[in-house]
Amino acid sequence: MAAYFSWLYFIQYMNNVYNKAERAAPEVSPCSHTYILK
């Protein structure tokens, strides 16, 4: 169960990072969101 909640937290965190990056660079398409992982 702990792993499940940490996974939800991870998804929420990635969504926050992606949303901030999207606001900073609107030209970045959703298909290229993997740049966050690099």
PDB file of N, CA and C in Angstrom:
ATOM      1  N   MET A   1       0.836  -1.213   0.000  1.00  0.00           N
ATOM      2  CA  MET A   1       0.000   0.000   0.000  1.00  0.00           C
ATOM      3  C   MET A   1       0.871   1.263   0.000  1.00  0.00           C
ATOM      4  N   ALA A   2       1.972   1.200   0.732  1.00  0.00           N
ATOM      5  CA  ALA A   2       2.863   2.368   0.776  1.00  0.00           C
ATOM      6  C   ALA A   2       3.417   2.671  -0.618  1.00  0.00           C
ATOM      7  N   ALA A   3       3.737   1.624  -1.360  1.00  0.00           N
ATOM      8  CA  ALA A   3       4.260   1.822  -2.722  1.00  0.00           C
ATOM      9  C   ALA A   3       3.201   2.467  -3.607  1.00  0.00           C
ATOM     10  N   TYR A   4       1.940   2.097  -3.375  1.00  0.00           N
ATOM     11  CA  TYR A   4       0.849   2.665  -4.158  1.00  0.00           C
ATOM     12  C   TYR A   4       0.737   4.168  -3.920  1.00  0.00           C
ATOM     13  N   PHE A   5       0.807   4.578  -2.661  1.00  0.00           N
ATOM     14  CA  PHE A   5       0.701   6.001  -2.349  1.00  0.00           C
ATOM     15  C   PHE A   5       1.916   6.771  -2.850  1.00  0.00           C
ATOM     16  N   SER A   6       3.092   6.160  -2.771  1.00  0.00           N
ATOM     17  CA  SER A   6       4.288   6.836  -3.271  1.00  0.00           C
ATOM     18  C   SER A   6       4.212   6.977  -4.790  1.00  0.00           C
ATOM     19  N   TRP A   7       3.582   6.007  -5.451  1.00  0.00           N
ATOM     20  CA  TRP A   7       3.399   6.092  -6.912  1.00  0.00           C
ATOM     21  C   TRP A   7       2.448   7.226  -7.251  1.00  0.00           C
ATOM     22  N   LEU A   8       1.372   7.366  -6.494  1.00  0.00           N
ATOM     23  CA  LEU A   8       0.441   8.476  -6.718  1.00  0.00           C
ATOM     24  C   LEU A   8       1.143   9.809  -6.500  1.00  0.00           C
ATOM     25  N   TYR A   9       1.965   9.880  -5.471  1.00  0.00           N
ATOM     26  CA  TYR A   9       2.712  11.107  -5.173  1.00  0.00           C
ATOM     27  C   TYR A   9       3.672  11.421  -6.315  1.00  0.00           C
ATOM     28  N   PHE A  10       4.321  10.390  -6.837  1.00  0.00           N
ATOM     29  CA  PHE A  10       5.265  10.567  -7.949  1.00  0.00           C
ATOM     30  C   PHE A  10       4.551  11.105  -9.178  1.00  0.00           C
ATOM     31  N   ILE A  11       3.381  10.537  -9.481  1.00  0.00           N
ATOM     32  CA  ILE A  11       2.607  11.010 -10.633  1.00  0.00           C
ATOM     33  C   ILE A  11       2.194  12.465 -10.426  1.00  0.00           C
ATOM     34  N   GLN A  12       1.744  12.797  -9.233  1.00  0.00           N
ATOM     35  CA  GLN A  12       1.327  14.165  -8.935  1.00  0.00           C
ATOM     36  C   GLN A  12       2.507  15.130  -9.065  1.00  0.00           C
ATOM     37  N   TYR A  13       3.672  14.691  -8.571  1.00  0.00           N
ATOM     38  CA  TYR A  13       4.873  15.516  -8.661  1.00  0.00           C
ATOM     39  C   TYR A  13       5.265  15.752 -10.117  1.00  0.00           C
ATOM     40  N   MET A  14       5.236  14.703 -10.930  1.00  0.00           N
ATOM     41  CA  MET A  14       5.591  14.831 -12.342  1.00  0.00           C
ATOM     42  C   MET A  14       4.604  15.742 -13.056  1.00  0.00           C
ATOM     43  N   ASN A  15       3.323  15.640 -12.701  1.00  0.00           N
ATOM     44  CA  ASN A  15       2.321  16.520 -13.295  1.00  0.00           C
ATOM     45  C   ASN A  15       2.613  17.975 -12.956  1.00  0.00           C
ATOM     46  N   ASN A  16       3.001  18.250 -11.708  1.00  0.00           N
ATOM     47  CA  ASN A  16       3.338  19.616 -11.301  1.00  0.00           C
ATOM     48  C   ASN A  16       4.539  20.134 -12.077  1.00  0.00           C
ATOM     49  N   VAL A  17       5.565  19.305 -12.203  1.00  0.00           N
ATOM     50  CA  VAL A  17       6.773  19.702 -12.936  1.00  0.00           C
ATOM     51  C   VAL A  17       6.427  19.974 -14.393  1.00  0.00           C
ATOM     52  N   TYR A  18       5.624  19.080 -14.975  1.00  0.00           N
ATOM     53  CA  TYR A  18       5.268  19.235 -16.382  1.00  0.00           C
ATOM     54  C   TYR A  18       4.415  20.475 -16.607  1.00  0.00           C
ATOM     55  N   ASN A  19       3.482  20.722 -15.706  1.00  0.00           N
ATOM     56  CA  ASN A  19       2.628  21.901 -15.846  1.00  0.00           C
ATOM     57  C   ASN A  19       3.445  23.186 -15.766  1.00  0.00           C
ATOM     58  N   LYS A  20       4.403  23.234 -14.854  1.00  0.00           N
ATOM     59  CA  LYS A  20       5.263  24.411 -14.731  1.00  0.00           C
ATOM     60  C   LYS A  20       6.113  24.581 -15.982  1.00  0.00           C
ATOM     61  N   ALA A  21       6.638  23.473 -16.496  1.00  0.00           N
ATOM     62  CA  ALA A  21       7.463  23.534 -17.703  1.00  0.00           C
ATOM     63  C   ALA A  21       6.616  23.964 -18.895  1.00  0.00           C
ATOM     64  N   GLU A  22       5.363  23.509 -18.918  1.00  0.00           N
ATOM     65  CA  GLU A  22       4.483  23.848 -20.030  1.00  0.00           C
ATOM     66  C   GLU A  22       4.153  25.338 -20.015  1.00  0.00           C
ATOM     67  N   ARG A  23       3.957  25.893 -18.811  1.00  0.00           N
ATOM     68  CA  ARG A  23       3.691  27.332 -18.719  1.00  0.00           C
ATOM     69  C   ARG A  23       4.926  28.133 -19.110  1.00  0.00           C
ATOM     70  N   ALA A  24       6.098  27.612 -18.758  1.00  0.00           N
ATOM     71  CA  ALA A  24       7.338  28.319 -19.067  1.00  0.00           C
ATOM     72  C   ALA A  24       7.662  28.217 -20.562  1.00  0.00           C
ATOM     73  N   ALA A  25       7.326  27.080 -21.168  1.00  0.00           N
ATOM     74  CA  ALA A  25       7.617  26.856 -22.589  1.00  0.00           C
ATOM     75  C   ALA A  25       6.393  26.255 -23.277  1.00  0.00           C
ATOM     76  N   PRO A  26       5.412  27.074 -23.634  1.00  0.00           N
ATOM     77  CA  PRO A  26       4.163  26.581 -24.220  1.00  0.00           C
ATOM     78  C   PRO A  26       4.363  25.818 -25.528  1.00  0.00           C
ATOM     79  N   GLU A  27       5.507  26.035 -26.197  1.00  0.00           N
ATOM     80  CA  GLU A  27       5.724  25.379 -27.480  1.00  0.00           C
ATOM     81  C   GLU A  27       6.085  23.906 -27.319  1.00  0.00           C
ATOM     82  N   VAL A  28       6.386  23.481 -26.087  1.00  0.00           N
ATOM     83  CA  VAL A  28       6.707  22.077 -25.860  1.00  0.00           C
ATOM     84  C   VAL A  28       5.430  21.247 -25.943  1.00  0.00           C
ATOM     85  N   SER A  29       5.450  20.248 -26.792  1.00  0.00           N
ATOM     86  CA  SER A  29       4.252  19.422 -26.977  1.00  0.00           C
ATOM     87  C   SER A  29       4.185  18.315 -25.927  1.00  0.00           C
ATOM     88  N   PRO A  30       2.978  17.823 -25.617  1.00  0.00           N
ATOM     89  CA  PRO A  30       2.819  16.745 -24.638  1.00  0.00           C
ATOM     90  C   PRO A  30       3.605  15.489 -25.026  1.00  0.00           C
ATOM     91  N   CYS A  31       3.841  15.295 -26.313  1.00  0.00           N
ATOM     92  CA  CYS A  31       4.538  14.093 -26.769  1.00  0.00           C
ATOM     93  C   CYS A  31       6.016  14.123 -26.388  1.00  0.00           C
ATOM     94  N   SER A  32       6.542  15.305 -26.094  1.00  0.00           N
ATOM     95  CA  SER A  32       7.967  15.423 -25.803  1.00  0.00           C
ATOM     96  C   SER A  32       8.211  15.687 -24.318  1.00  0.00           C
ATOM     97  N   HIS A  33       7.286  15.224 -23.462  1.00  0.00           N
ATOM     98  CA  HIS A  33       7.413  15.506 -22.037  1.00  0.00           C
ATOM     99  C   HIS A  33       8.529  14.693 -21.387  1.00  0.00           C
ATOM    100  N   THR A  34       9.113  13.756 -22.144  1.00  0.00           N
ATOM    101  CA  THR A  34      10.156  12.912 -21.562  1.00  0.00           C
ATOM    102  C   THR A  34      11.432  13.689 -21.283  1.00  0.00           C
ATOM    103  N   TYR A  35      11.525  14.925 -21.782  1.00  0.00           N
ATOM    104  CA  TYR A  35      12.725  15.733 -21.520  1.00  0.00           C
ATOM    105  C   TYR A  35      12.898  15.992 -20.024  1.00  0.00           C
ATOM    106  N   ILE A  36      11.796  15.887 -19.265  1.00  0.00           N
ATOM    107  CA  ILE A  36      11.863  16.107 -17.820  1.00  0.00           C
ATOM    108  C   ILE A  36      12.709  15.011 -17.159  1.00  0.00           C
ATOM    109  N   LEU A  37      12.674  13.807 -17.731  1.00  0.00           N
ATOM    110  CA  LEU A  37      13.367  12.676 -17.125  1.00  0.00           C
ATOM    111  C   LEU A  37      14.865  12.698 -17.402  1.00  0.00           C
ATOM    112  N   LYS A  38      15.294  13.478 -18.373  1.00  0.00           N
ATOM    113  CA  LYS A  38      16.710  13.463 -18.748  1.00  0.00           C
ATOM    114  C   LYS A  38      17.546  14.303 -17.783  1.00  0.00           C
TER     115      LYS A  38
END
